[in-house]
């Protein structure tokens, strides 16, 4: 199993707004059966960590291409454009979950 984490660097003072948008996007993926429950969290501000950063992670059984033929992405409506207004950059990280024998 794998932990997948998206990291969003956002404009100053927009982390909470971005987190709201990202949470809604995660719920759309969950409702479409595309992902497990996702978590959204923020660093900087009142907690240590890089400022203006929002994270979203979820668990995947296997890493699969989002461009695979059977993948139907959910309609995000205007959420993607709302996120683009506050996002400066984003990247994705993959971690294999350790399972002791």
PDB file of N, CA and C in Angstrom:
ATOM      1  N   UNK A   1       0.842  -1.178   0.000  1.00  0.00           N
ATOM      2  CA  UNK A   1       0.000   0.000   0.000  1.00  0.00           C
ATOM      3  C   UNK A   1       0.880   1.231   0.000  1.00  0.00           C
ATOM      4  N   UNK A   2       0.305   2.324  -0.484  1.00  0.00           N
ATOM      5  CA  UNK A   2       1.069   3.548  -0.651  1.00  0.00           C
ATOM      6  C   UNK A   2       0.324   4.744  -0.080  1.00  0.00           C
ATOM      7  N   UNK A   3       1.081   5.664   0.466  1.00  0.00           N
ATOM      8  CA  UNK A   3       0.543   6.958   0.861  1.00  0.00           C
ATOM      9  C   UNK A   3       0.900   7.916  -0.263  1.00  0.00           C
ATOM     10  N   UNK A   4      -0.096   8.606  -0.770  1.00  0.00           N
ATOM     11  CA  UNK A   4       0.114   9.599  -1.820  1.00  0.00           C
ATOM     12  C   UNK A   4      -0.147  10.961  -1.195  1.00  0.00           C
ATOM     13  N   UNK A   5       0.786  11.888  -1.388  1.00  0.00           N
ATOM     14  CA  UNK A   5       0.618  13.221  -0.794  1.00  0.00           C
ATOM     15  C   UNK A   5       0.819  14.287  -1.861  1.00  0.00           C
ATOM     16  N   UNK A   6      -0.171  15.159  -1.987  1.00  0.00           N
ATOM     17  CA  UNK A   6      -0.061  16.334  -2.847  1.00  0.00           C
ATOM     18  C   UNK A   6       0.304  17.500  -1.952  1.00  0.00           C
ATOM     19  N   UNK A   7       1.262  18.290  -2.391  1.00  0.00           N
ATOM     20  CA  UNK A   7       1.709  19.464  -1.652  1.00  0.00           C
ATOM     21  C   UNK A   7       1.412  20.686  -2.510  1.00  0.00           C
ATOM     22  N   UNK A   8       0.739  21.657  -1.923  1.00  0.00           N
ATOM     23  CA  UNK A   8       0.358  22.882  -2.619  1.00  0.00           C
ATOM     24  C   UNK A   8       1.021  24.072  -1.937  1.00  0.00           C
ATOM     25  N   UNK A   9       1.851  24.791  -2.661  1.00  0.00           N
ATOM     26  CA  UNK A   9       2.384  26.070  -2.181  1.00  0.00           C
ATOM     27  C   UNK A   9       1.393  27.123  -2.662  1.00  0.00           C
ATOM     28  N   UNK A  10       0.894  27.919  -1.714  1.00  0.00           N
ATOM     29  CA  UNK A  10      -0.150  28.885  -2.047  1.00  0.00           C
ATOM     30  C   UNK A  10       0.305  30.305  -1.718  1.00  0.00           C
ATOM     31  N   UNK A  11      -0.413  31.260  -2.255  1.00  0.00           N
ATOM     32  CA  UNK A  11      -0.096  32.669  -2.017  1.00  0.00           C
ATOM     33  C   UNK A  11      -0.268  32.990  -0.530  1.00  0.00           C
ATOM     34  N   UNK A  12       0.487  33.973  -0.039  1.00  0.00           N
ATOM     35  CA  UNK A  12       0.375  34.352   1.383  1.00  0.00           C
ATOM     36  C   UNK A  12      -1.073  34.647   1.780  1.00  0.00           C
ATOM     37  N   UNK A  13      -1.414  34.187   2.973  1.00  0.00           N
ATOM     38  CA  UNK A  13      -2.724  34.405   3.586  1.00  0.00           C
ATOM     39  C   UNK A  13      -3.875  33.725   2.842  1.00  0.00           C
ATOM     40  N   UNK A  14      -3.578  32.684   2.047  1.00  0.00           N
ATOM     41  CA  UNK A  14      -4.658  31.972   1.347  1.00  0.00           C
ATOM     42  C   UNK A  14      -4.714  30.486   1.709  1.00  0.00           C
ATOM     43  N   UNK A  15      -3.930  30.052   2.682  1.00  0.00           N
ATOM     44  CA  UNK A  15      -3.849  28.618   2.996  1.00  0.00           C
ATOM     45  C   UNK A  15      -5.204  28.055   3.418  1.00  0.00           C
ATOM     46  N   UNK A  16      -5.942  28.761   4.233  1.00  0.00           N
ATOM     47  CA  UNK A  16      -7.239  28.229   4.684  1.00  0.00           C
ATOM     48  C   UNK A  16      -8.242  28.165   3.533  1.00  0.00           C
ATOM     49  N   UNK A  17      -8.240  29.177   2.677  1.00  0.00           N
ATOM     50  CA  UNK A  17      -9.120  29.153   1.502  1.00  0.00           C
ATOM     51  C   UNK A  17      -8.743  27.985   0.591  1.00  0.00           C
ATOM     52  N   UNK A  18      -7.444  27.819   0.352  1.00  0.00           N
ATOM     53  CA  UNK A  18      -6.977  26.709  -0.484  1.00  0.00           C
ATOM     54  C   UNK A  18      -7.359  25.370   0.144  1.00  0.00           C
ATOM     55  N   UNK A  19      -7.201  25.246   1.456  1.00  0.00           N
ATOM     56  CA  UNK A  19      -7.534  23.996   2.142  1.00  0.00           C
ATOM     57  C   UNK A  19      -9.015  23.659   1.971  1.00  0.00           C
ATOM     58  N   UNK A  20      -9.873  24.663   2.001  1.00  0.00           N
ATOM     59  CA  UNK A  20     -11.315  24.447   1.796  1.00  0.00           C
ATOM     60  C   UNK A  20     -11.573  23.896   0.397  1.00  0.00           C
ATOM     61  N   UNK A  21     -10.942  24.499  -0.605  1.00  0.00           N
ATOM     62  CA  UNK A  21     -11.112  24.064  -1.998  1.00  0.00           C
ATOM     63  C   UNK A  21     -10.579  22.644  -2.176  1.00  0.00           C
ATOM     64  N   UNK A  22      -9.390  22.389  -1.655  1.00  0.00           N
ATOM     65  CA  UNK A  22      -8.747  21.077  -1.788  1.00  0.00           C
ATOM     66  C   UNK A  22      -9.572  19.999  -1.087  1.00  0.00           C
ATOM     67  N   UNK A  23     -10.159  20.325   0.053  1.00  0.00           N
ATOM     68  CA  UNK A  23     -11.028  19.385   0.757  1.00  0.00           C
ATOM     69  C   UNK A  23     -12.227  19.019  -0.106  1.00  0.00           C
ATOM     70  N   UNK A  24     -12.847  20.007  -0.726  1.00  0.00           N
ATOM     71  CA  UNK A  24     -13.991  19.751  -1.603  1.00  0.00           C
ATOM     72  C   UNK A  24     -13.588  18.879  -2.791  1.00  0.00           C
ATOM     73  N   UNK A  25     -12.400  19.124  -3.348  1.00  0.00           N
ATOM     74  CA  UNK A  25     -11.912  18.320  -4.472  1.00  0.00           C
ATOM     75  C   UNK A  25     -11.711  16.866  -4.034  1.00  0.00           C
ATOM     76  N   UNK A  26     -11.122  16.674  -2.856  1.00  0.00           N
ATOM     77  CA  UNK A  26     -10.908  15.330  -2.338  1.00  0.00           C
ATOM     78  C   UNK A  26     -12.222  14.585  -2.169  1.00  0.00           C
ATOM     79  N   UNK A  27     -13.248  15.274  -1.680  1.00  0.00           N
ATOM     80  CA  UNK A  27     -14.563  14.648  -1.487  1.00  0.00           C
ATOM     81  C   UNK A  27     -15.157  14.210  -2.823  1.00  0.00           C
ATOM     82  N   UNK A  28     -14.947  14.995  -3.864  1.00  0.00           N
ATOM     83  CA  UNK A  28     -15.453  14.615  -5.191  1.00  0.00           C
ATOM     84  C   UNK A  28     -14.775  13.331  -5.679  1.00  0.00           C
ATOM     85  N   UNK A  29     -13.465  13.220  -5.457  1.00  0.00           N
ATOM     86  CA  UNK A  29     -12.764  11.989  -5.830  1.00  0.00           C
ATOM     87  C   UNK A  29     -13.281  10.803  -5.015  1.00  0.00           C
ATOM     88  N   UNK A  30     -13.517  11.020  -3.724  1.00  0.00           N
ATOM     89  CA  UNK A  30     -14.032   9.949  -2.860  1.00  0.00           C
ATOM     90  C   UNK A  30     -15.425   9.501  -3.324  1.00  0.00           C
ATOM     91  N   UNK A  31     -16.311  10.462  -3.589  1.00  0.00           N
ATOM     92  CA  UNK A  31     -17.673  10.154  -4.021  1.00  0.00           C
ATOM     93  C   UNK A  31     -17.688   9.408  -5.351  1.00  0.00           C
ATOM     94  N   UNK A  32     -16.695   9.689  -6.203  1.00  0.00           N
ATOM     95  CA  UNK A  32     -16.605   9.020  -7.500  1.00  0.00           C
ATOM     96  C   UNK A  32     -15.960   7.641  -7.395  1.00  0.00           C
ATOM     97  N   UNK A  33     -15.525   7.267  -6.172  1.00  0.00           N
ATOM     98  CA  UNK A  33     -14.883   5.975  -5.980  1.00  0.00           C
ATOM     99  C   UNK A  33     -13.452   5.936  -6.488  1.00  0.00           C
ATOM    100  N   UNK A  34     -12.853   7.099  -6.684  1.00  0.00           N
ATOM    101  CA  UNK A  34     -11.504   7.191  -7.228  1.00  0.00           C
ATOM    102  C   UNK A  34     -10.422   7.143  -6.153  1.00  0.00           C
ATOM    103  N   UNK A  35     -10.783   7.483  -4.910  1.00  0.00           N
ATOM    104  CA  UNK A  35      -9.790   7.560  -3.837  1.00  0.00           C
ATOM    105  C   UNK A  35     -10.398   7.139  -2.516  1.00  0.00           C
ATOM    106  N   UNK A  36      -9.494   6.770  -1.614  1.00  0.00           N
ATOM    107  CA  UNK A  36      -9.909   6.562  -0.233  1.00  0.00           C
ATOM    108  C   UNK A  36     -10.105   7.943   0.408  1.00  0.00           C
ATOM    109  N   UNK A  37     -10.536   7.962   1.637  1.00  0.00           N
ATOM    110  CA  UNK A  37     -10.720   9.216   2.354  1.00  0.00           C
ATOM    111  C   UNK A  37      -9.402   9.978   2.399  1.00  0.00           C
ATOM    112  N   UNK A  38      -9.469  11.258   2.079  1.00  0.00           N
ATOM    113  CA  UNK A  38      -8.252  12.067   2.097  1.00  0.00           C
ATOM    114  C   UNK A  38      -8.237  12.965   3.328  1.00  0.00           C
ATOM    115  N   UNK A  39      -7.032  13.360   3.689  1.00  0.00           N
ATOM    116  CA  UNK A  39      -6.841  14.306   4.802  1.00  0.00           C
ATOM    117  C   UNK A  39      -6.199  15.552   4.228  1.00  0.00           C
ATOM    118  N   UNK A  40      -6.626  16.704   4.711  1.00  0.00           N
ATOM    119  CA  UNK A  40      -6.057  17.978   4.284  1.00  0.00           C
ATOM    120  C   UNK A  40      -5.523  18.666   5.528  1.00  0.00           C
ATOM    121  N   UNK A  41      -4.289  19.174   5.443  1.00  0.00           N
ATOM    122  CA  UNK A  41      -3.691  19.835   6.595  1.00  0.00           C
ATOM    123  C   UNK A  41      -2.776  20.963   6.130  1.00  0.00           C
ATOM    124  N   UNK A  42      -2.494  21.862   7.063  1.00  0.00           N
ATOM    125  CA  UNK A  42      -1.769  23.103   6.773  1.00  0.00           C
ATOM    126  C   UNK A  42      -0.562  23.208   7.695  1.00  0.00           C
ATOM    127  N   UNK A  43       0.528  23.755   7.177  1.00  0.00           N
ATOM    128  CA  UNK A  43       1.667  24.067   8.052  1.00  0.00           C
ATOM    129  C   UNK A  43       1.934  25.570   7.981  1.00  0.00           C
ATOM    130  N   UNK A  44       2.795  26.030   8.881  1.00  0.00           N
ATOM    131  CA  UNK A  44       3.047  27.462   8.973  1.00  0.00           C
ATOM    132  C   UNK A  44       1.961  28.118   9.806  1.00  0.00           C
ATOM    133  N   UNK A  45       2.016  29.409   9.918  1.00  0.00           N
ATOM    134  CA  UNK A  45       1.004  30.105  10.713  1.00  0.00           C
ATOM    135  C   UNK A  45       1.148  29.773  12.181  1.00  0.00           C
ATOM    136  N   UNK A  46       0.183  29.037  12.741  1.00  0.00           N
ATOM    137  CA  UNK A  46       0.198  28.740  14.173  1.00  0.00           C
ATOM    138  C   UNK A  46       0.937  27.447  14.518  1.00  0.00           C
ATOM    139  N   UNK A  47       1.449  26.726  13.515  1.00  0.00           N
ATOM    140  CA  UNK A  47       2.215  25.505  13.764  1.00  0.00           C
ATOM    141  C   UNK A  47       3.521  25.567  12.976  1.00  0.00           C
ATOM    142  N   UNK A  48       4.536  24.817  13.423  1.00  0.00           N
ATOM    143  CA  UNK A  48       5.802  24.821  12.689  1.00  0.00           C
ATOM    144  C   UNK A  48       5.636  24.235  11.285  1.00  0.00           C
ATOM    145  N   UNK A  49       6.542  24.579  10.431  1.00  0.00           N
ATOM    146  CA  UNK A  49       6.548  24.053   9.069  1.00  0.00           C
ATOM    147  C   UNK A  49       6.538  25.173   8.062  1.00  0.00           C
ATOM    148  N   UNK A  50       6.690  24.817   6.800  1.00  0.00           N
ATOM    149  CA  UNK A  50       6.722  25.842   5.759  1.00  0.00           C
ATOM    150  C   UNK A  50       5.421  26.642   5.726  1.00  0.00           C
ATOM    151  N   UNK A  51       5.543  27.948   5.642  1.00  0.00           N
ATOM    152  CA  UNK A  51       4.364  28.809   5.565  1.00  0.00           C
ATOM    153  C   UNK A  51       3.677  28.637   4.215  1.00  0.00           C
ATOM    154  N   UNK A  52       2.392  28.942   4.185  1.00  0.00           N
ATOM    155  CA  UNK A  52       1.631  28.962   2.933  1.00  0.00           C
ATOM    156  C   UNK A  52       1.673  27.620   2.210  1.00  0.00           C
ATOM    157  N   UNK A  53       1.540  26.540   2.966  1.00  0.00           N
ATOM    158  CA  UNK A  53       1.606  25.204   2.389  1.00  0.00           C
ATOM    159  C   UNK A  53       0.399  24.395   2.862  1.00  0.00           C
ATOM    160  N   UNK A  54      -0.255  23.740   1.896  1.00  0.00           N
ATOM    161  CA  UNK A  54      -1.402  22.884   2.180  1.00  0.00           C
ATOM    162  C   UNK A  54      -1.065  21.491   1.647  1.00  0.00           C
ATOM    163  N   UNK A  55      -1.403  20.481   2.419  1.00  0.00           N
ATOM    164  CA  UNK A  55      -1.127  19.095   2.048  1.00  0.00           C
ATOM    165  C   UNK A  55      -2.437  18.320   1.973  1.00  0.00           C
ATOM    166  N   UNK A  56      -2.495  17.362   1.061  1.00  0.00           N
ATOM    167  CA  UNK A  56      -3.612  16.427   1.018  1.00  0.00           C
ATOM    168  C   UNK A  56      -3.007  15.042   0.814  1.00  0.00           C
ATOM    169  N   UNK A  57      -3.401  14.081   1.655  1.00  0.00           N
ATOM    170  CA  UNK A  57      -2.900  12.725   1.440  1.00  0.00           C
ATOM    171  C   UNK A  57      -4.027  11.714   1.508  1.00  0.00           C
ATOM    172  N   UNK A  58      -3.758  10.556   0.909  1.00  0.00           N
ATOM    173  CA  UNK A  58      -4.700   9.442   0.899  1.00  0.00           C
ATOM    174  C   UNK A  58      -3.909   8.164   0.661  1.00  0.00           C
ATOM    175  N   UNK A  59      -4.571   7.043   0.890  1.00  0.00           N
ATOM    176  CA  UNK A  59      -3.943   5.724   0.748  1.00  0.00           C
ATOM    177  C   UNK A  59      -4.395   5.100  -0.569  1.00  0.00           C
ATOM    178  N   UNK A  60      -3.453   4.456  -1.263  1.00  0.00           N
ATOM    179  CA  UNK A  60      -3.744   3.716  -2.496  1.00  0.00           C
ATOM    180  C   UNK A  60      -3.222   2.292  -2.342  1.00  0.00           C
ATOM    181  N   UNK A  61      -3.980   1.340  -2.828  1.00  0.00           N
ATOM    182  CA  UNK A  61      -3.531  -0.058  -2.836  1.00  0.00           C
ATOM    183  C   UNK A  61      -2.368  -0.241  -3.801  1.00  0.00           C
ATOM    184  N   UNK A  62      -2.433   0.443  -4.940  1.00  0.00           N
ATOM    185  CA  UNK A  62      -1.402   0.340  -5.975  1.00  0.00           C
ATOM    186  C   UNK A  62      -1.268   1.699  -6.648  1.00  0.00           C
ATOM    187  N   UNK A  63      -0.094   1.969  -7.181  1.00  0.00           N
ATOM    188  CA  UNK A  63       0.109   3.198  -7.935  1.00  0.00           C
ATOM    189  C   UNK A  63      -0.278   2.933  -9.387  1.00  0.00           C
ATOM    190  N   UNK A  64      -1.250   3.713  -9.871  1.00  0.00           N
ATOM    191  CA  UNK A  64      -1.730   3.535 -11.233  1.00  0.00           C
ATOM    192  C   UNK A  64      -1.759   4.880 -11.943  1.00  0.00           C
ATOM    193  N   UNK A  65      -1.578   4.857 -13.233  1.00  0.00           N
ATOM    194  CA  UNK A  65      -1.561   6.076 -14.035  1.00  0.00           C
ATOM    195  C   UNK A  65      -2.934   6.749 -14.019  1.00  0.00           C
ATOM    196  N   UNK A  66      -2.972   8.064 -13.812  1.00  0.00           N
ATOM    197  CA  UNK A  66      -4.253   8.764 -13.906  1.00  0.00           C
ATOM    198  C   UNK A  66      -4.747   8.830 -15.353  1.00  0.00           C
ATOM    199  N   UNK A  67      -3.883   8.485 -16.309  1.00  0.00           N
ATOM    200  CA  UNK A  67      -4.245   8.533 -17.723  1.00  0.00           C
ATOM    201  C   UNK A  67      -4.701   7.179 -18.255  1.00  0.00           C
ATOM    202  N   UNK A  68      -4.897   6.212 -17.365  1.00  0.00           N
ATOM    203  CA  UNK A  68      -5.348   4.892 -17.814  1.00  0.00           C
ATOM    204  C   UNK A  68      -6.733   5.002 -18.441  1.00  0.00           C
ATOM    205  N   UNK A  69      -6.997   4.079 -19.351  1.00  0.00           N
ATOM    206  CA  UNK A  69      -8.216   4.132 -20.153  1.00  0.00           C
ATOM    207  C   UNK A  69      -9.501   4.088 -19.326  1.00  0.00           C
ATOM    208  N   UNK A  70      -9.519   3.302 -18.247  1.00  0.00           N
ATOM    209  CA  UNK A  70     -10.741   3.139 -17.456  1.00  0.00           C
ATOM    210  C   UNK A  70     -10.933   4.208 -16.384  1.00  0.00           C
ATOM    211  N   UNK A  71     -10.067   5.198 -16.343  1.00  0.00           N
ATOM    212  CA  UNK A  71     -10.150   6.222 -15.301  1.00  0.00           C
ATOM    213  C   UNK A  71     -11.068   7.361 -15.747  1.00  0.00           C
ATOM    214  N   UNK A  72     -12.126   7.579 -15.014  1.00  0.00           N
ATOM    215  CA  UNK A  72     -13.049   8.680 -15.275  1.00  0.00           C
ATOM    216  C   UNK A  72     -12.918   9.711 -14.159  1.00  0.00           C
ATOM    217  N   UNK A  73     -12.257  10.810 -14.436  1.00  0.00           N
ATOM    218  CA  UNK A  73     -12.070  11.854 -13.416  1.00  0.00           C
ATOM    219  C   UNK A  73     -13.394  12.545 -13.130  1.00  0.00           C
ATOM    220  N   UNK A  74     -13.649  12.818 -11.855  1.00  0.00           N
ATOM    221  CA  UNK A  74     -14.902  13.505 -11.508  1.00  0.00           C
ATOM    222  C   UNK A  74     -14.890  14.951 -11.988  1.00  0.00           C
ATOM    223  N   UNK A  75     -16.061  15.493 -12.214  1.00  0.00           N
ATOM    224  CA  UNK A  75     -16.208  16.890 -12.621  1.00  0.00           C
ATOM    225  C   UNK A  75     -15.921  17.782 -11.414  1.00  0.00           C
ATOM    226  N   UNK A  76     -14.957  18.638 -11.543  1.00  0.00           N
ATOM    227  CA  UNK A  76     -14.571  19.532 -10.447  1.00  0.00           C
ATOM    228  C   UNK A  76     -15.307  20.865 -10.495  1.00  0.00           C
ATOM    229  N   UNK A  77     -16.124  21.083 -11.518  1.00  0.00           N
ATOM    230  CA  UNK A  77     -16.814  22.363 -11.629  1.00  0.00           C
ATOM    231  C   UNK A  77     -15.792  23.482 -11.682  1.00  0.00           C
ATOM    232  N   UNK A  78     -15.998  24.510 -10.882  1.00  0.00           N
ATOM    233  CA  UNK A  78     -15.047  25.632 -10.887  1.00  0.00           C
ATOM    234  C   UNK A  78     -13.995  25.525  -9.786  1.00  0.00           C
ATOM    235  N   UNK A  79     -13.930  24.367  -9.091  1.00  0.00           N
ATOM    236  CA  UNK A  79     -12.950  24.214  -8.015  1.00  0.00           C
ATOM    237  C   UNK A  79     -11.516  24.339  -8.531  1.00  0.00           C
ATOM    238  N   UNK A  80     -11.250  23.774  -9.705  1.00  0.00           N
ATOM    239  CA  UNK A  80      -9.885  23.842 -10.257  1.00  0.00           C
ATOM    240  C   UNK A  80      -9.480  25.283 -10.534  1.00  0.00           C
ATOM    241  N   UNK A  81     -10.373  26.068 -11.098  1.00  0.00           N
ATOM    242  CA  UNK A  81     -10.033  27.467 -11.379  1.00  0.00           C
ATOM    243  C   UNK A  81      -9.893  28.269 -10.087  1.00  0.00           C
ATOM    244  N   UNK A  82     -10.704  27.953  -9.076  1.00  0.00           N
ATOM    245  CA  UNK A  82     -10.568  28.623  -7.773  1.00  0.00           C
ATOM    246  C   UNK A  82      -9.205  28.327  -7.164  1.00  0.00           C
ATOM    247  N   UNK A  83      -8.775  27.070  -7.276  1.00  0.00           N
ATOM    248  CA  UNK A  83      -7.475  26.693  -6.716  1.00  0.00           C
ATOM    249  C   UNK A  83      -6.340  27.381  -7.473  1.00  0.00           C
ATOM    250  N   UNK A  84      -6.448  27.452  -8.795  1.00  0.00           N
ATOM    251  CA  UNK A  84      -5.396  28.119  -9.586  1.00  0.00           C
ATOM    252  C   UNK A  84      -5.193  29.571  -9.169  1.00  0.00           C
ATOM    253  N   UNK A  85      -6.250  30.225  -8.699  1.00  0.00           N
ATOM    254  CA  UNK A  85      -6.156  31.621  -8.274  1.00  0.00           C
ATOM    255  C   UNK A  85      -5.249  31.802  -7.060  1.00  0.00           C
ATOM    256  N   UNK A  86      -5.154  30.794  -6.198  1.00  0.00           N
ATOM    257  CA  UNK A  86      -4.365  30.915  -4.963  1.00  0.00           C
ATOM    258  C   UNK A  86      -3.093  30.079  -4.972  1.00  0.00           C
ATOM    259  N   UNK A  87      -2.995  29.130  -5.889  1.00  0.00           N
ATOM    260  CA  UNK A  87      -1.859  28.204  -5.923  1.00  0.00           C
ATOM    261  C   UNK A  87      -0.677  28.804  -6.672  1.00  0.00           C
ATOM    262  N   UNK A  88       0.507  28.625  -6.103  1.00  0.00           N
ATOM    263  CA  UNK A  88       1.729  29.045  -6.788  1.00  0.00           C
ATOM    264  C   UNK A  88       2.407  27.859  -7.461  1.00  0.00           C
ATOM    265  N   UNK A  89       2.405  26.710  -6.796  1.00  0.00           N
ATOM    266  CA  UNK A  89       2.965  25.486  -7.368  1.00  0.00           C
ATOM    267  C   UNK A  89       2.429  24.294  -6.593  1.00  0.00           C
ATOM    268  N   UNK A  90       2.577  23.118  -7.182  1.00  0.00           N
ATOM    269  CA  UNK A  90       2.215  21.893  -6.470  1.00  0.00           C
ATOM    270  C   UNK A  90       3.082  20.758  -6.979  1.00  0.00           C
ATOM    271  N   UNK A  91       3.196  19.753  -6.143  1.00  0.00           N
ATOM    272  CA  UNK A  91       3.909  18.541  -6.542  1.00  0.00           C
ATOM    273  C   UNK A  91       3.319  17.380  -5.766  1.00  0.00           C
ATOM    274  N   UNK A  92       3.699  16.176  -6.167  1.00  0.00           N
ATOM    275  CA  UNK A  92       3.134  14.974  -5.560  1.00  0.00           C
ATOM    276  C   UNK A  92       4.265  14.096  -5.038  1.00  0.00           C
ATOM    277  N   UNK A  93       4.013  13.453  -3.905  1.00  0.00           N
ATOM    278  CA  UNK A  93       4.992  12.553  -3.283  1.00  0.00           C
ATOM    279  C   UNK A  93       4.331  11.187  -3.102  1.00  0.00           C
ATOM    280  N   UNK A  94       5.152  10.134  -3.175  1.00  0.00           N
ATOM    281  CA  UNK A  94       4.662   8.771  -3.003  1.00  0.00           C
ATOM    282  C   UNK A  94       5.518   8.083  -1.951  1.00  0.00           C
ATOM    283  N   UNK A  95       4.859   7.379  -1.033  1.00  0.00           N
ATOM    284  CA  UNK A  95       5.553   6.650   0.015  1.00  0.00           C
ATOM    285  C   UNK A  95       4.974   5.248   0.103  1.00  0.00           C
ATOM    286  N   UNK A  96       5.836   4.265   0.191  1.00  0.00           N
ATOM    287  CA  UNK A  96       5.357   2.907   0.409  1.00  0.00           C
ATOM    288  C   UNK A  96       5.171   2.721   1.909  1.00  0.00           C
ATOM    289  N   UNK A  97       3.999   2.249   2.309  1.00  0.00           N
ATOM    290  CA  UNK A  97       3.718   2.041   3.718  1.00  0.00           C
ATOM    291  C   UNK A  97       4.442   0.782   4.199  1.00  0.00           C
ATOM    292  N   UNK A  98       5.122   0.905   5.287  1.00  0.00           N
ATOM    293  CA  UNK A  98       5.849  -0.218   5.850  1.00  0.00           C
ATOM    294  C   UNK A  98       4.892  -1.130   6.595  1.00  0.00           C
ATOM    295  N   UNK A  99       5.018  -2.399   6.350  1.00  0.00           N
ATOM    296  CA  UNK A  99       4.202  -3.377   7.031  1.00  0.00           C
ATOM    297  C   UNK A  99       5.132  -4.433   7.608  1.00  0.00           C
ATOM    298  N   UNK A 100       5.311  -4.458   8.932  1.00  0.00           N
ATOM    299  CA  UNK A 100       6.210  -5.441   9.521  1.00  0.00           C
ATOM    300  C   UNK A 100       5.706  -6.859   9.269  1.00  0.00           C
ATOM    301  N   UNK A 101       6.631  -7.776   9.158  1.00  0.00           N
ATOM    302  CA  UNK A 101       6.260  -9.177   8.879  1.00  0.00           C
ATOM    303  C   UNK A 101       5.906  -9.913  10.128  1.00  0.00           C
TER     304      UNK A 101
END
